[in-house]
Amino acid sequence: MTHCTRHEEYISPFSARYSSPEMSSLFSARAKAILFRKLWVSLAKAQKKLGLPISDPQINEMQAAVNDIDFEKINEYEKKLRHDVMAHIHAFGDACPMARSIIHLGATSSYVTDNADLIQLKEGLSLLFQKLLHVVKKLSDLAEKHAHDPCLSYTHFQPAQPTTIGKRICLWLQDFLLDAHEWHRLIEDLPFLGAKGATGTQASFFALFEKDHEKVKKLESNIATEFGFTRILPISGQTYTRKLDIHVLNALESFAASAHKFAVDIRLLSHEGEFLEPFGEDQVGSSAMPYKRNPIYCERICGLARFAISLSQNPSYTAATQWLERSLDDSSNRRFSIPESFLTIDAILNLMLHVLTSPQIQPERSLSHLTQNLPQLCMENILMESVKRGADRQKIHELLRKITAHSFESLISSIEKEKAFSLSRKDIEKIADPKQLIGRAVEQVHSFLKEDVHPFLQKHPPTKVAIAPIEL
């Protein structure tokens, strides 16, 4: 058999290209193995505290070996035993000969696998939440800066009533704020599986503690508290209900939809020259067309977002096909669908923060596009002003419908010729002032930022997070 070099083997684009080292590390084999050992130490500590014959030297020995992972030995055991958790137990026992007899006491595999998964879900959401807070902050700053800058709005990507650049940014911001609220709720509410035993009845722990219900409950609460959980799942089979995976990945999917809409909008606006991605000094837009400035980062966001949306279906299929107290067909699926969902969202957030760090927003270009469409955009206001001055609404509507205005000047000339309008050039110019056509856009921006966004950011101030550099 020919040995493959690194460049001849498949490497996940997430670890090699897109995601941050922090998120990749969280779902690494080493992180999982360390969590298993921490959970076994926590179980032993709680059991000792509640009266089981476990000694301090045994616990100290286990704690000392938590980070000393021998993967070669684990792999050897798994090849022999065909059981991943038992392989970890044996390898941990080899590292802790005094504690070998009490490692995993009363537990089943899901004690470490499922509790470790829930810890990773909680920590993964916390990492993503911090990055999302930075997105919310950057968008809120941009919305405030451009709250008064008028621009042409679009429905069906056709010219529509004017808005402001800040108001358009708030459309994205509101979606991301909703996502942030949901992620924070999940971080706070996500429960710990605890110590439920082989079928969720806690029979093994009930026997260990001489049928003392309170001690079994205390065992769970001690372990959950140590890992930062305030809630424990009250009912389970061997595993935690896979509906929790549905809730988490649906929340990630919802964000992916928000990000996709954000990125598509910027791609459309980049075509108009109104909102451009950062563009490096040596960056090449096209191998054939040197003038090109393709929105490559927003295109990448869209591609990754679609992948995240597709992954969100997996937990529903898995939850739907769980047999009675448990089956094992969920394991292979969850090994990659859950980590890859988090890695994908992490990559999207890194890209978004890159795009929002120094976007090239062009208010002058936006105003130019708006001005080009003024003849059509101000007609409704002309209609209403004429009627307010006593004109017949239907007659004015018909006159406006027949006007072919190729420029604002030609519109004024056409209206001045018709006495039915009762409007002077000065009246029309006032009506057609872009600031008179944006409705309450400015007030909506300031109100939304003041009442919704700023209070949320004050309650959850963004902290420093590691953003993977966008080098490719």
Protein backbone atom coordinates (compact mmCIF):
# COMPACT_ATOMS: atom_id res chain seq x y z
CA MET A 1 0.00 0.00 0.00
CA THR A 2 1.39 3.38 -1.03
CA HIS A 3 1.73 5.93 1.77
CA CYS A 4 -0.15 9.15 1.04
CA THR A 5 1.37 12.54 1.76
CA ARG A 6 -0.63 15.33 3.36
CA HIS A 7 -1.47 16.81 -0.04
CA GLU A 8 -2.76 13.47 -1.31
CA GLU A 9 -5.34 13.08 1.45
CA TYR A 10 -8.64 14.85 1.93
CA ILE A 11 -8.43 17.61 4.52
CA SER A 12 -11.56 19.37 5.74
CA PRO A 13 -11.73 22.92 4.36
CA PHE A 14 -12.97 24.03 7.79
CA SER A 15 -9.76 23.16 9.61
CA ALA A 16 -7.50 24.06 6.69
CA ARG A 17 -9.23 27.17 5.36
CA TYR A 18 -12.30 28.57 7.06
CA SER A 19 -12.86 28.05 10.78
CA SER A 20 -11.04 29.48 13.78
CA PRO A 21 -8.54 27.35 15.73
CA GLU A 22 -10.72 27.77 18.85
CA MET A 23 -13.77 26.18 17.23
CA SER A 24 -11.75 23.44 15.55
CA SER A 25 -10.06 22.68 18.86
CA LEU A 26 -13.38 22.48 20.71
CA PHE A 27 -14.52 19.56 18.52
CA SER A 28 -11.13 17.85 18.28
CA ALA A 29 -10.47 14.27 19.41
CA ARG A 30 -8.20 15.60 22.15
CA ALA A 31 -10.87 17.95 23.52
CA LYS A 32 -13.39 15.10 23.55
CA ALA A 33 -10.96 12.74 25.35
CA ILE A 34 -10.19 15.38 27.97
CA LEU A 35 -13.91 15.98 28.55
CA PHE A 36 -14.46 12.24 29.06
CA ARG A 37 -11.75 12.20 31.73
CA LYS A 38 -13.02 15.35 33.43
CA LEU A 39 -16.49 13.80 33.58
CA TRP A 40 -15.07 10.62 35.15
CA VAL A 41 -13.15 12.68 37.72
CA SER A 42 -16.27 14.69 38.51
CA LEU A 43 -18.31 11.49 38.92
CA ALA A 44 -15.74 10.02 41.29
CA LYS A 45 -15.53 13.22 43.33
CA ALA A 46 -19.32 13.40 43.68
CA GLN A 47 -19.53 9.70 44.61
CA LYS A 48 -16.82 10.10 47.26
CA LYS A 49 -18.53 13.18 48.69
CA LEU A 50 -21.77 11.22 48.98
CA GLY A 51 -20.15 8.33 50.85
CA LEU A 52 -18.82 5.78 48.36
CA PRO A 53 -15.41 4.22 49.21
CA ILE A 54 -13.28 6.31 46.86
CA SER A 55 -10.01 7.79 48.14
CA ASP A 56 -8.32 11.14 47.61
CA PRO A 57 -5.21 9.44 46.12
CA GLN A 58 -7.43 7.78 43.50
CA ILE A 59 -9.02 11.10 42.58
CA ASN A 60 -5.68 12.91 42.57
CA GLU A 61 -4.24 10.25 40.29
CA MET A 62 -7.15 10.69 37.86
CA GLN A 63 -6.85 14.48 37.89
CA ALA A 64 -3.14 14.30 37.18
CA ALA A 65 -3.77 12.17 34.06
CA VAL A 66 -6.64 14.20 32.57
CA ASN A 67 -4.53 15.90 29.90
CA ASP A 68 -2.09 13.05 29.28
CA ILE A 69 -3.85 11.39 26.35
CA ASP A 70 -2.19 8.41 24.65
CA PHE A 71 -4.10 8.12 21.39
CA GLU A 72 -2.03 5.24 20.11
CA LYS A 73 -3.09 3.18 23.11
CA ILE A 74 -6.73 4.29 22.74
CA ASN A 75 -6.71 3.27 19.07
CA GLU A 76 -5.18 -0.12 19.94
CA TYR A 77 -7.90 -0.77 22.51
CA GLU A 78 -10.66 0.31 20.12
CA LYS A 79 -9.40 -2.03 17.37
CA LYS A 80 -9.53 -4.87 19.88
CA LEU A 81 -12.75 -4.01 21.75
CA ARG A 82 -14.73 -2.33 18.91
CA HIS A 83 -16.03 0.13 21.52
CA ASP A 84 -14.77 3.69 21.65
CA VAL A 85 -15.74 4.53 25.23
CA MET A 86 -14.34 1.26 26.60
CA ALA A 87 -11.10 2.04 24.77
CA HIS A 88 -10.93 5.39 26.59
CA ILE A 89 -11.74 3.72 29.92
CA HIS A 90 -8.94 1.16 29.54
CA ALA A 91 -6.42 3.79 28.44
CA PHE A 92 -7.39 6.01 31.38
CA GLY A 93 -7.12 3.02 33.71
CA ASP A 94 -3.62 2.29 32.44
CA ALA A 95 -2.65 5.88 33.29
CA CYS A 96 -4.35 5.61 36.72
CA PRO A 97 -3.73 2.10 38.11
CA MET A 98 -4.92 2.99 41.64
CA ALA A 99 -8.19 4.43 40.30
CA ARG A 100 -8.80 1.79 37.60
CA SER A 101 -11.44 -0.02 39.65
CA ILE A 102 -13.65 3.04 40.24
CA ILE A 103 -13.42 4.76 36.84
CA HIS A 104 -16.88 4.91 35.20
CA LEU A 105 -18.50 3.40 38.32
CA GLY A 106 -22.25 2.96 37.77
CA ALA A 107 -22.13 4.84 34.47
CA THR A 108 -22.92 3.91 30.91
CA SER A 109 -21.20 5.24 27.79
CA SER A 110 -23.70 8.06 27.35
CA TYR A 111 -22.65 9.52 30.69
CA VAL A 112 -19.46 10.71 29.01
CA THR A 113 -20.51 10.93 25.36
CA ASP A 114 -23.78 12.81 25.83
CA ASN A 115 -22.69 15.07 28.66
CA ALA A 116 -19.55 15.88 26.64
CA ASP A 117 -21.75 16.70 23.64
CA LEU A 118 -23.89 19.04 25.73
CA ILE A 119 -20.78 20.75 27.13
CA GLN A 120 -19.51 21.22 23.57
CA LEU A 121 -22.87 22.56 22.39
CA LYS A 122 -22.92 25.08 25.22
CA GLU A 123 -19.30 26.15 24.73
CA GLY A 124 -19.69 26.25 20.95
CA LEU A 125 -22.78 28.45 21.20
CA SER A 126 -20.93 30.73 23.62
CA LEU A 127 -18.05 31.16 21.17
CA LEU A 128 -20.45 31.91 18.32
CA PHE A 129 -22.54 34.24 20.48
CA GLN A 130 -19.52 36.43 21.24
CA LYS A 131 -18.73 36.76 17.54
CA LEU A 132 -22.36 37.52 16.77
CA LEU A 133 -22.28 40.32 19.35
CA HIS A 134 -19.44 41.90 17.38
CA VAL A 135 -21.51 41.63 14.19
CA VAL A 136 -24.45 43.31 15.95
CA LYS A 137 -22.17 46.07 17.25
CA LYS A 138 -20.58 46.75 13.86
CA LEU A 139 -23.96 46.84 12.11
CA SER A 140 -25.45 49.12 14.77
CA ASP A 141 -22.54 51.55 14.34
CA LEU A 142 -22.99 51.54 10.56
CA ALA A 143 -26.77 52.00 10.87
CA GLU A 144 -26.27 55.01 13.13
CA LYS A 145 -23.64 56.51 10.84
CA HIS A 146 -25.82 56.20 7.74
CA ALA A 147 -29.23 56.72 9.32
CA HIS A 148 -29.82 59.94 7.33
CA ASP A 149 -28.26 58.89 4.00
CA PRO A 150 -31.09 58.41 1.47
CA CYS A 151 -30.96 55.58 -1.02
CA LEU A 152 -33.17 53.90 -3.54
CA SER A 153 -34.96 50.90 -2.09
CA TYR A 154 -35.94 47.88 -4.13
CA THR A 155 -38.85 45.50 -4.18
CA HIS A 156 -38.34 42.56 -6.58
CA PHE A 157 -34.99 44.32 -7.24
CA GLN A 158 -36.97 47.02 -9.02
CA PRO A 159 -36.82 50.69 -7.91
CA ALA A 160 -39.25 51.38 -5.08
CA GLN A 161 -39.93 54.07 -2.46
CA PRO A 162 -36.71 55.57 -1.07
CA THR A 163 -35.30 54.54 2.27
CA THR A 164 -31.96 55.24 3.96
CA ILE A 165 -28.78 53.20 4.04
CA GLY A 166 -29.08 53.01 7.82
CA LYS A 167 -32.63 51.67 7.61
CA ARG A 168 -31.54 48.98 5.15
CA ILE A 169 -28.72 47.95 7.50
CA CYS A 170 -31.30 47.69 10.28
CA LEU A 171 -33.15 45.05 8.24
CA TRP A 172 -30.06 42.85 8.55
CA LEU A 173 -29.43 43.92 12.12
CA GLN A 174 -32.92 42.99 13.30
CA ASP A 175 -32.53 39.45 11.96
CA PHE A 176 -29.18 39.01 13.67
CA LEU A 177 -30.53 40.44 16.92
CA LEU A 178 -33.31 37.83 16.85
CA ASP A 179 -30.65 35.15 16.32
CA ALA A 180 -28.60 36.53 19.21
CA HIS A 181 -31.60 36.41 21.56
CA GLU A 182 -32.24 32.76 20.60
CA TRP A 183 -28.60 31.73 20.99
CA HIS A 184 -28.43 33.35 24.42
CA ARG A 185 -31.62 31.57 25.49
CA LEU A 186 -30.17 28.23 24.42
CA ILE A 187 -26.90 28.87 26.23
CA GLU A 188 -28.82 29.61 29.43
CA ASP A 189 -31.43 26.85 29.10
CA LEU A 190 -29.47 23.93 27.66
CA PRO A 191 -29.75 21.10 30.22
CA PHE A 192 -27.18 18.57 31.39
CA LEU A 193 -27.96 14.88 30.92
CA GLY A 194 -26.48 14.02 34.31
CA ALA A 195 -26.02 10.44 35.50
CA LYS A 196 -28.99 8.48 34.14
CA GLY A 197 -27.60 4.97 33.68
CA ALA A 198 -28.20 2.39 30.97
CA THR A 199 -31.87 3.13 30.27
CA GLY A 200 -32.39 6.43 32.06
CA THR A 201 -33.79 4.99 35.27
CA GLN A 202 -30.62 5.61 37.31
CA ALA A 203 -30.92 2.05 38.63
CA SER A 204 -27.16 1.52 38.96
CA PHE A 205 -26.65 4.71 41.00
CA PHE A 206 -29.79 3.98 43.02
CA ALA A 207 -28.21 0.64 43.97
CA LEU A 208 -24.80 2.16 44.72
CA PHE A 209 -26.38 4.61 47.17
CA GLU A 210 -28.55 2.00 48.91
CA LYS A 211 -31.79 3.28 47.32
CA ASP A 212 -31.28 6.83 48.57
CA HIS A 213 -33.16 9.07 46.12
CA GLU A 214 -31.67 12.29 47.48
CA LYS A 215 -28.11 11.10 47.07
CA VAL A 216 -28.74 10.14 43.44
CA LYS A 217 -30.22 13.58 42.79
CA LYS A 218 -27.32 15.24 44.61
CA LEU A 219 -24.86 13.24 42.52
CA GLU A 220 -26.28 14.74 39.34
CA SER A 221 -26.51 18.29 40.63
CA ASN A 222 -22.90 18.26 41.88
CA ILE A 223 -21.60 17.16 38.48
CA ALA A 224 -23.84 19.54 36.53
CA THR A 225 -22.78 22.52 38.65
CA GLU A 226 -19.11 21.73 38.10
CA PHE A 227 -19.64 22.00 34.35
CA GLY A 228 -21.66 25.22 34.50
CA PHE A 229 -25.17 23.82 33.99
CA THR A 230 -28.11 25.10 36.03
CA ARG A 231 -30.63 22.63 34.61
CA ILE A 232 -30.62 18.83 34.44
CA LEU A 233 -32.76 16.91 31.99
CA PRO A 234 -35.46 15.31 34.16
CA ILE A 235 -36.33 12.46 31.78
CA SER A 236 -34.17 10.47 29.39
CA GLY A 237 -33.56 7.05 27.96
CA GLN A 238 -29.90 6.17 27.80
CA THR A 239 -29.21 9.34 25.84
CA TYR A 240 -30.54 12.89 26.08
CA THR A 241 -33.48 13.55 23.81
CA ARG A 242 -32.20 14.35 20.34
CA LYS A 243 -34.72 17.16 20.15
CA LEU A 244 -32.07 19.25 21.92
CA ASP A 245 -29.89 18.82 18.83
CA ILE A 246 -32.83 19.96 16.71
CA HIS A 247 -33.22 23.13 18.77
CA VAL A 248 -29.53 23.99 18.59
CA LEU A 249 -29.02 23.28 14.90
CA ASN A 250 -32.29 25.02 14.01
CA ALA A 251 -30.93 28.11 15.75
CA LEU A 252 -27.74 27.83 13.71
CA GLU A 253 -29.80 27.31 10.55
CA SER A 254 -31.83 30.42 11.34
CA PHE A 255 -28.64 32.44 11.62
CA ALA A 256 -27.39 30.93 8.35
CA ALA A 257 -30.55 32.18 6.64
CA SER A 258 -29.95 35.67 8.08
CA ALA A 259 -26.34 35.59 6.91
CA HIS A 260 -27.31 34.40 3.44
CA LYS A 261 -29.79 37.27 3.03
CA PHE A 262 -27.18 39.76 4.30
CA ALA A 263 -24.56 38.46 1.85
CA VAL A 264 -26.93 38.34 -1.13
CA ASP A 265 -28.01 41.93 -0.47
CA ILE A 266 -24.38 43.08 -0.46
CA ARG A 267 -23.74 41.15 -3.66
CA LEU A 268 -26.65 43.00 -5.29
CA LEU A 269 -25.51 46.35 -3.92
CA SER A 270 -21.93 45.73 -5.05
CA HIS A 271 -23.30 45.45 -8.58
CA GLU A 272 -24.77 48.93 -8.08
CA GLY A 273 -21.48 50.16 -6.56
CA GLU A 274 -23.23 51.20 -3.34
CA PHE A 275 -21.79 48.71 -0.83
CA LEU A 276 -18.46 47.03 -1.57
CA GLU A 277 -16.46 44.42 0.28
CA PRO A 278 -12.95 45.24 1.46
CA PHE A 279 -10.54 44.68 -1.43
CA GLY A 280 -6.83 44.00 -0.84
CA GLU A 281 -4.15 45.97 -2.63
CA ASP A 282 -2.86 42.86 -4.39
CA GLN A 283 -6.23 41.10 -4.62
CA VAL A 284 -7.17 39.82 -8.09
CA GLY A 285 -10.84 39.92 -9.07
CA SER A 286 -10.60 37.81 -12.21
CA SER A 287 -7.88 35.93 -14.08
CA ALA A 288 -9.32 37.21 -17.37
CA MET A 289 -10.78 40.63 -16.50
CA PRO A 290 -8.34 42.75 -14.45
CA TYR A 291 -10.97 45.39 -13.59
CA LYS A 292 -13.24 42.94 -11.73
CA ARG A 293 -13.98 43.30 -8.00
CA ASN A 294 -16.09 40.25 -7.32
CA PRO A 295 -17.75 40.04 -3.86
CA ILE A 296 -15.94 36.79 -3.09
CA TYR A 297 -16.43 36.84 0.68
CA CYS A 298 -20.18 37.34 0.48
CA GLU A 299 -20.33 34.64 -2.17
CA ARG A 300 -18.48 32.35 0.22
CA ILE A 301 -20.91 33.24 3.01
CA CYS A 302 -23.79 32.20 0.76
CA GLY A 303 -22.20 28.88 -0.11
CA LEU A 304 -21.42 28.04 3.51
CA ALA A 305 -24.86 29.20 4.66
CA ARG A 306 -26.54 26.79 2.26
CA PHE A 307 -24.38 23.98 3.65
CA ALA A 308 -25.35 24.88 7.23
CA ILE A 309 -29.03 24.95 6.28
CA SER A 310 -28.74 21.48 4.73
CA LEU A 311 -27.04 20.07 7.86
CA SER A 312 -29.89 21.24 10.06
CA GLN A 313 -32.11 18.47 8.70
CA ASN A 314 -29.96 15.75 10.26
CA PRO A 315 -31.13 16.14 13.89
CA SER A 316 -34.78 15.82 12.87
CA TYR A 317 -34.09 12.58 11.01
CA THR A 318 -32.09 11.32 13.99
CA ALA A 319 -34.68 12.27 16.61
CA ALA A 320 -37.43 10.70 14.53
CA THR A 321 -35.64 7.35 14.25
CA GLN A 322 -34.55 6.77 17.84
CA TRP A 323 -35.87 3.41 19.07
CA LEU A 324 -37.42 3.27 22.51
CA GLU A 325 -34.68 3.98 25.14
CA ARG A 326 -31.94 4.26 22.49
CA SER A 327 -30.35 2.95 19.30
CA LEU A 328 -26.89 3.59 17.93
CA ASP A 329 -27.60 4.76 14.40
CA ASP A 330 -27.42 8.34 15.64
CA SER A 331 -23.74 8.17 16.57
CA SER A 332 -22.09 8.12 13.14
CA ASN A 333 -24.36 10.91 11.90
CA ARG A 334 -23.85 13.18 14.90
CA ARG A 335 -20.06 12.77 14.80
CA PHE A 336 -19.88 15.08 11.80
CA SER A 337 -23.25 16.84 11.41
CA ILE A 338 -22.99 18.64 14.76
CA PRO A 339 -19.31 19.68 14.63
CA GLU A 340 -19.55 20.70 10.98
CA SER A 341 -22.61 22.84 11.72
CA PHE A 342 -20.65 24.76 14.34
CA LEU A 343 -17.54 25.00 12.17
CA THR A 344 -19.65 26.31 9.28
CA ILE A 345 -21.33 29.01 11.36
CA ASP A 346 -17.97 29.95 12.84
CA ALA A 347 -16.56 30.36 9.32
CA ILE A 348 -19.55 32.50 8.28
CA LEU A 349 -19.11 34.79 11.29
CA ASN A 350 -15.38 35.17 10.56
CA LEU A 351 -16.21 36.18 7.00
CA MET A 352 -18.93 38.58 8.10
CA LEU A 353 -16.62 40.31 10.54
CA HIS A 354 -14.04 40.65 7.78
CA VAL A 355 -16.62 42.22 5.45
CA LEU A 356 -17.87 44.57 8.16
CA THR A 357 -14.45 45.68 9.40
CA SER A 358 -13.87 48.10 6.52
CA PRO A 359 -16.81 48.05 4.10
CA GLN A 360 -16.84 50.63 1.33
CA ILE A 361 -20.26 52.23 1.62
CA GLN A 362 -20.88 54.88 -1.06
CA PRO A 363 -23.68 57.32 -0.05
CA GLU A 364 -22.97 59.49 -3.09
CA ARG A 365 -23.53 56.58 -5.46
CA SER A 366 -26.74 55.70 -3.61
CA LEU A 367 -28.00 59.28 -3.92
CA SER A 368 -27.13 59.32 -7.62
CA HIS A 369 -29.21 56.19 -8.26
CA LEU A 370 -32.04 57.69 -6.25
CA THR A 371 -31.90 60.96 -8.21
CA GLN A 372 -32.03 59.11 -11.51
CA ASN A 373 -35.34 57.58 -10.45
CA LEU A 374 -36.88 60.70 -8.89
CA PRO A 375 -39.39 61.36 -11.71
CA GLN A 376 -41.17 58.10 -10.94
CA LEU A 377 -40.59 58.06 -7.20
CA CYS A 378 -42.09 61.45 -6.43
CA MET A 379 -45.28 61.00 -8.49
CA GLU A 380 -47.30 59.63 -5.57
CA ASN A 381 -46.34 62.64 -3.43
CA ILE A 382 -47.23 64.99 -6.31
CA LEU A 383 -50.59 63.25 -6.61
CA MET A 384 -51.31 63.67 -2.89
CA GLU A 385 -50.18 67.31 -2.78
CA SER A 386 -52.35 68.19 -5.80
CA VAL A 387 -55.41 66.57 -4.22
CA LYS A 388 -54.73 68.42 -0.96
CA ARG A 389 -54.92 71.64 -3.03
CA GLY A 390 -58.33 70.71 -4.41
CA ALA A 391 -57.54 68.72 -7.55
CA ASP A 392 -59.49 65.66 -8.67
CA ARG A 393 -57.57 62.58 -7.64
CA GLN A 394 -58.54 60.41 -10.64
CA LYS A 395 -57.78 63.15 -13.15
CA ILE A 396 -54.34 63.83 -11.66
CA HIS A 397 -53.60 60.10 -11.57
CA GLU A 398 -54.43 59.82 -15.27
CA LEU A 399 -52.29 62.84 -16.15
CA LEU A 400 -49.32 61.45 -14.25
CA ARG A 401 -49.77 58.05 -15.84
CA LYS A 402 -49.40 59.58 -19.31
CA ILE A 403 -46.31 61.63 -18.49
CA THR A 404 -43.10 60.19 -19.90
CA ALA A 405 -40.40 61.76 -17.79
CA HIS A 406 -36.87 60.85 -18.80
CA SER A 407 -35.43 63.31 -16.30
CA PHE A 408 -36.54 65.34 -13.32
CA GLU A 409 -36.44 68.47 -15.45
CA SER A 410 -38.79 66.95 -18.04
CA LEU A 411 -41.18 65.97 -15.24
CA ILE A 412 -41.29 69.55 -13.97
CA SER A 413 -41.91 70.87 -17.48
CA SER A 414 -44.77 68.43 -18.07
CA ILE A 415 -46.48 69.31 -14.76
CA GLU A 416 -46.05 73.05 -15.23
CA LYS A 417 -47.94 72.80 -18.52
CA GLU A 418 -50.99 71.30 -16.77
CA LYS A 419 -52.92 73.80 -14.66
CA ALA A 420 -54.82 70.94 -13.00
CA PHE A 421 -51.81 70.24 -10.78
CA SER A 422 -51.71 73.75 -9.25
CA LEU A 423 -48.00 73.19 -8.49
CA SER A 424 -45.05 75.49 -9.16
CA ARG A 425 -41.45 74.47 -9.87
CA LYS A 426 -40.58 75.32 -6.27
CA ASP A 427 -43.43 73.16 -5.00
CA ILE A 428 -42.29 70.19 -7.10
CA GLU A 429 -38.65 70.55 -6.08
CA LYS A 430 -39.71 70.55 -2.43
CA ILE A 431 -41.88 67.47 -2.93
CA ALA A 432 -39.06 65.68 -4.74
CA ASP A 433 -36.42 66.36 -2.08
CA PRO A 434 -35.14 62.84 -1.22
CA LYS A 435 -35.40 63.67 2.47
CA GLN A 436 -39.13 64.19 1.98
CA LEU A 437 -39.53 60.76 0.38
CA ILE A 438 -38.01 58.51 3.07
CA GLY A 439 -40.96 58.55 5.46
CA ARG A 440 -39.97 57.70 9.05
CA ALA A 441 -36.83 55.78 8.07
CA VAL A 442 -34.50 57.96 10.16
CA GLU A 443 -36.75 57.87 13.21
CA GLN A 444 -37.17 54.10 12.85
CA VAL A 445 -33.39 53.61 12.86
CA HIS A 446 -32.82 55.74 15.97
CA SER A 447 -35.76 54.18 17.80
CA PHE A 448 -34.70 50.62 16.99
CA LEU A 449 -31.11 51.23 18.07
CA LYS A 450 -32.15 53.00 21.27
CA GLU A 451 -34.90 50.63 22.37
CA ASP A 452 -33.68 47.24 21.14
CA VAL A 453 -30.05 47.09 20.07
CA HIS A 454 -28.21 49.27 22.58
CA PRO A 455 -29.92 47.74 25.65
CA PHE A 456 -29.01 44.25 24.40
CA LEU A 457 -25.37 45.24 23.85
CA GLN A 458 -25.23 46.91 27.26
CA LYS A 459 -26.49 43.69 28.82
CA HIS A 460 -24.13 41.58 26.70
CA PRO A 461 -21.08 43.71 25.88
CA PRO A 462 -18.90 42.14 23.19
CA THR A 463 -15.69 40.73 24.61
CA LYS A 464 -12.46 40.17 22.76
CA VAL A 465 -12.69 37.07 20.58
CA ALA A 466 -10.25 35.36 18.27
CA ILE A 467 -11.23 35.98 14.67
CA ALA A 468 -9.60 33.64 12.17
CA PRO A 469 -7.70 35.78 9.64
CA ILE A 470 -9.21 35.70 6.17
CA GLU A 471 -6.14 34.93 4.13
CA LEU A 472 -7.66 32.95 1.28
